[in-house]
N, C-alpha and C. Protein backbone atom coordinates (compact mmCIF):
# COMPACT_ATOMS: atom_id res chain seq x y z
N MET A 1 50.14 124.25 -113.29
CA MET A 1 50.22 123.63 -112.00
C MET A 1 51.25 122.52 -112.05
N ARG A 2 51.96 122.37 -110.96
CA ARG A 2 52.95 121.29 -110.89
C ARG A 2 52.26 119.99 -110.52
N ARG A 3 52.75 118.91 -111.10
CA ARG A 3 52.14 117.59 -110.88
C ARG A 3 52.20 117.18 -109.42
N LYS A 4 53.33 117.44 -108.76
CA LYS A 4 53.45 116.99 -107.38
C LYS A 4 52.48 117.75 -106.47
N ASP A 5 52.16 119.00 -106.80
CA ASP A 5 51.16 119.74 -106.02
C ASP A 5 49.77 119.15 -106.21
N LEU A 6 49.46 118.74 -107.43
CA LEU A 6 48.17 118.10 -107.68
C LEU A 6 48.07 116.76 -106.96
N ILE A 7 49.14 115.98 -106.96
CA ILE A 7 49.14 114.68 -106.28
C ILE A 7 48.93 114.87 -104.77
N LYS A 8 49.58 115.88 -104.19
CA LYS A 8 49.37 116.18 -102.77
C LYS A 8 47.91 116.51 -102.49
N HIS A 9 47.31 117.31 -103.38
CA HIS A 9 45.90 117.69 -103.23
C HIS A 9 45.00 116.46 -103.32
N LEU A 10 45.27 115.60 -104.29
CA LEU A 10 44.44 114.41 -104.47
C LEU A 10 44.51 113.50 -103.25
N THR A 11 45.71 113.27 -102.73
CA THR A 11 45.84 112.37 -101.57
C THR A 11 45.22 112.99 -100.33
N LYS A 12 45.29 114.30 -100.20
CA LYS A 12 44.67 114.96 -99.05
C LYS A 12 43.15 114.83 -99.09
N LYS A 13 42.59 114.77 -100.30
CA LYS A 13 41.14 114.65 -100.47
C LYS A 13 40.67 113.20 -100.48
N GLY A 14 41.57 112.24 -100.24
CA GLY A 14 41.16 110.85 -100.11
C GLY A 14 41.32 109.99 -101.35
N CYS A 15 42.04 110.47 -102.34
CA CYS A 15 42.27 109.67 -103.55
C CYS A 15 43.53 108.83 -103.37
N VAL A 16 43.53 107.68 -104.01
CA VAL A 16 44.66 106.76 -103.90
C VAL A 16 45.17 106.39 -105.29
N LEU A 17 46.45 106.06 -105.36
CA LEU A 17 47.05 105.58 -106.60
C LEU A 17 46.55 104.18 -106.86
N LEU A 18 45.89 103.99 -107.98
CA LEU A 18 45.33 102.69 -108.32
C LEU A 18 46.34 101.83 -109.06
N ARG A 19 46.97 102.42 -110.10
CA ARG A 19 47.98 101.69 -110.87
C ARG A 19 48.80 102.68 -111.69
N GLU A 20 49.93 102.20 -112.14
CA GLU A 20 50.81 102.99 -113.00
C GLU A 20 50.68 102.47 -114.43
N GLY A 21 50.53 103.39 -115.36
CA GLY A 21 50.47 103.03 -116.77
C GLY A 21 51.75 103.45 -117.45
N GLY A 22 51.74 103.49 -118.78
CA GLY A 22 52.92 103.89 -119.52
C GLY A 22 53.23 105.37 -119.39
N LYS A 23 52.24 106.21 -119.65
CA LYS A 23 52.43 107.65 -119.59
C LYS A 23 51.58 108.30 -118.50
N TYR A 24 50.77 107.52 -117.83
CA TYR A 24 49.84 108.05 -116.85
C TYR A 24 49.86 107.23 -115.56
N SER A 25 49.50 107.89 -114.47
CA SER A 25 49.22 107.23 -113.21
C SER A 25 47.70 107.32 -113.03
N VAL A 26 47.07 106.25 -112.65
CA VAL A 26 45.62 106.24 -112.50
C VAL A 26 45.29 106.38 -111.02
N TYR A 27 44.51 107.43 -110.70
CA TYR A 27 44.09 107.69 -109.33
C TYR A 27 42.61 107.42 -109.19
N GLN A 28 42.21 106.99 -107.98
CA GLN A 28 40.83 106.64 -107.71
C GLN A 28 40.38 107.36 -106.44
N ASN A 29 39.16 107.87 -106.48
CA ASN A 29 38.55 108.43 -105.28
C ASN A 29 38.04 107.25 -104.47
N ALA A 30 38.61 107.05 -103.30
CA ALA A 30 38.27 105.87 -102.49
C ALA A 30 36.81 105.89 -102.05
N GLY A 31 36.22 107.06 -101.92
CA GLY A 31 34.83 107.16 -101.46
C GLY A 31 33.82 106.84 -102.54
N THR A 32 34.07 107.32 -103.76
CA THR A 32 33.08 107.16 -104.83
C THR A 32 33.44 106.07 -105.83
N GLY A 33 34.71 105.71 -105.90
CA GLY A 33 35.14 104.71 -106.86
C GLY A 33 35.48 105.30 -108.22
N ALA A 34 35.34 106.62 -108.38
CA ALA A 34 35.68 107.27 -109.65
C ALA A 34 37.18 107.22 -109.86
N GLU A 35 37.60 107.00 -111.09
CA GLU A 35 39.03 106.96 -111.38
C GLU A 35 39.34 107.73 -112.65
N THR A 36 40.55 108.25 -112.73
CA THR A 36 40.99 109.03 -113.88
C THR A 36 42.50 108.99 -114.01
N PRO A 37 43.03 109.08 -115.22
CA PRO A 37 44.48 109.12 -115.39
C PRO A 37 45.03 110.51 -115.10
N VAL A 38 46.25 110.54 -114.56
CA VAL A 38 46.97 111.78 -114.30
C VAL A 38 48.30 111.67 -115.05
N THR A 39 48.55 112.62 -115.92
CA THR A 39 49.76 112.60 -116.73
C THR A 39 51.01 112.68 -115.86
N ARG A 40 52.11 112.18 -116.38
CA ARG A 40 53.37 112.20 -115.63
C ARG A 40 54.24 113.41 -115.96
N HIS A 41 53.73 114.34 -116.76
CA HIS A 41 54.49 115.55 -117.06
C HIS A 41 54.66 116.37 -115.79
N PRO A 42 55.82 116.98 -115.59
CA PRO A 42 56.04 117.75 -114.36
C PRO A 42 55.15 118.99 -114.25
N GLU A 43 54.73 119.54 -115.38
CA GLU A 43 53.84 120.70 -115.39
C GLU A 43 52.60 120.36 -116.20
N MET A 44 51.45 120.89 -115.76
CA MET A 44 50.22 120.72 -116.52
C MET A 44 49.41 122.00 -116.44
N ALA A 45 48.51 122.17 -117.38
CA ALA A 45 47.67 123.35 -117.40
C ALA A 45 46.69 123.32 -116.24
N ASP A 46 46.32 124.50 -115.76
CA ASP A 46 45.39 124.58 -114.64
C ASP A 46 44.04 123.98 -114.98
N HIS A 47 43.59 124.16 -116.22
CA HIS A 47 42.29 123.59 -116.59
C HIS A 47 42.33 122.06 -116.59
N ALA A 48 43.49 121.48 -116.88
CA ALA A 48 43.61 120.02 -116.83
C ALA A 48 43.52 119.52 -115.39
N ALA A 49 44.13 120.24 -114.46
CA ALA A 49 44.05 119.86 -113.04
C ALA A 49 42.62 119.98 -112.53
N ARG A 50 41.91 121.04 -112.95
CA ARG A 50 40.51 121.20 -112.54
C ARG A 50 39.65 120.07 -113.11
N LYS A 51 39.92 119.66 -114.34
CA LYS A 51 39.14 118.58 -114.96
C LYS A 51 39.38 117.25 -114.23
N ILE A 52 40.63 116.98 -113.85
CA ILE A 52 40.95 115.76 -113.11
C ILE A 52 40.17 115.74 -111.80
N CYS A 53 40.16 116.86 -111.09
CA CYS A 53 39.43 116.93 -109.82
C CYS A 53 37.94 116.76 -110.04
N LYS A 54 37.41 117.34 -111.10
CA LYS A 54 35.98 117.21 -111.39
C LYS A 54 35.62 115.76 -111.67
N LEU A 55 36.45 115.07 -112.44
CA LEU A 55 36.20 113.67 -112.75
C LEU A 55 36.26 112.79 -111.51
N LEU A 56 37.11 113.16 -110.55
CA LEU A 56 37.21 112.39 -109.31
C LEU A 56 36.17 112.82 -108.28
N GLY A 57 35.46 113.91 -108.52
CA GLY A 57 34.40 114.35 -107.62
C GLY A 57 34.92 115.08 -106.41
N ILE A 58 36.03 115.81 -106.54
CA ILE A 58 36.57 116.57 -105.42
C ILE A 58 36.72 118.03 -105.83
N ASP A 59 36.90 118.91 -104.83
CA ASP A 59 37.08 120.33 -105.10
C ASP A 59 38.42 120.56 -105.78
N PRO A 60 38.47 121.50 -106.73
CA PRO A 60 39.75 121.80 -107.38
C PRO A 60 40.69 122.53 -106.44
N PRO A 61 41.99 122.44 -106.67
CA PRO A 61 42.95 123.17 -105.83
C PRO A 61 42.85 124.66 -106.05
N ASN A 62 43.22 125.42 -105.04
CA ASN A 62 43.14 126.89 -105.16
C ASN A 62 44.34 127.47 -105.80
């Protein structure tokens, strides 16, 4: 999965960029307060994208 597609999915589901780290961007679910890092690599494995969504408490992308 491409990173920019995952970011679009996260923002559509109500997640916001909390802060930028060295190798990661940290996103937070505004509704639940859950947060998780998202790697800055342009491509990531589909299972990694599903895990990020699970940690944030949102449905995974199709």
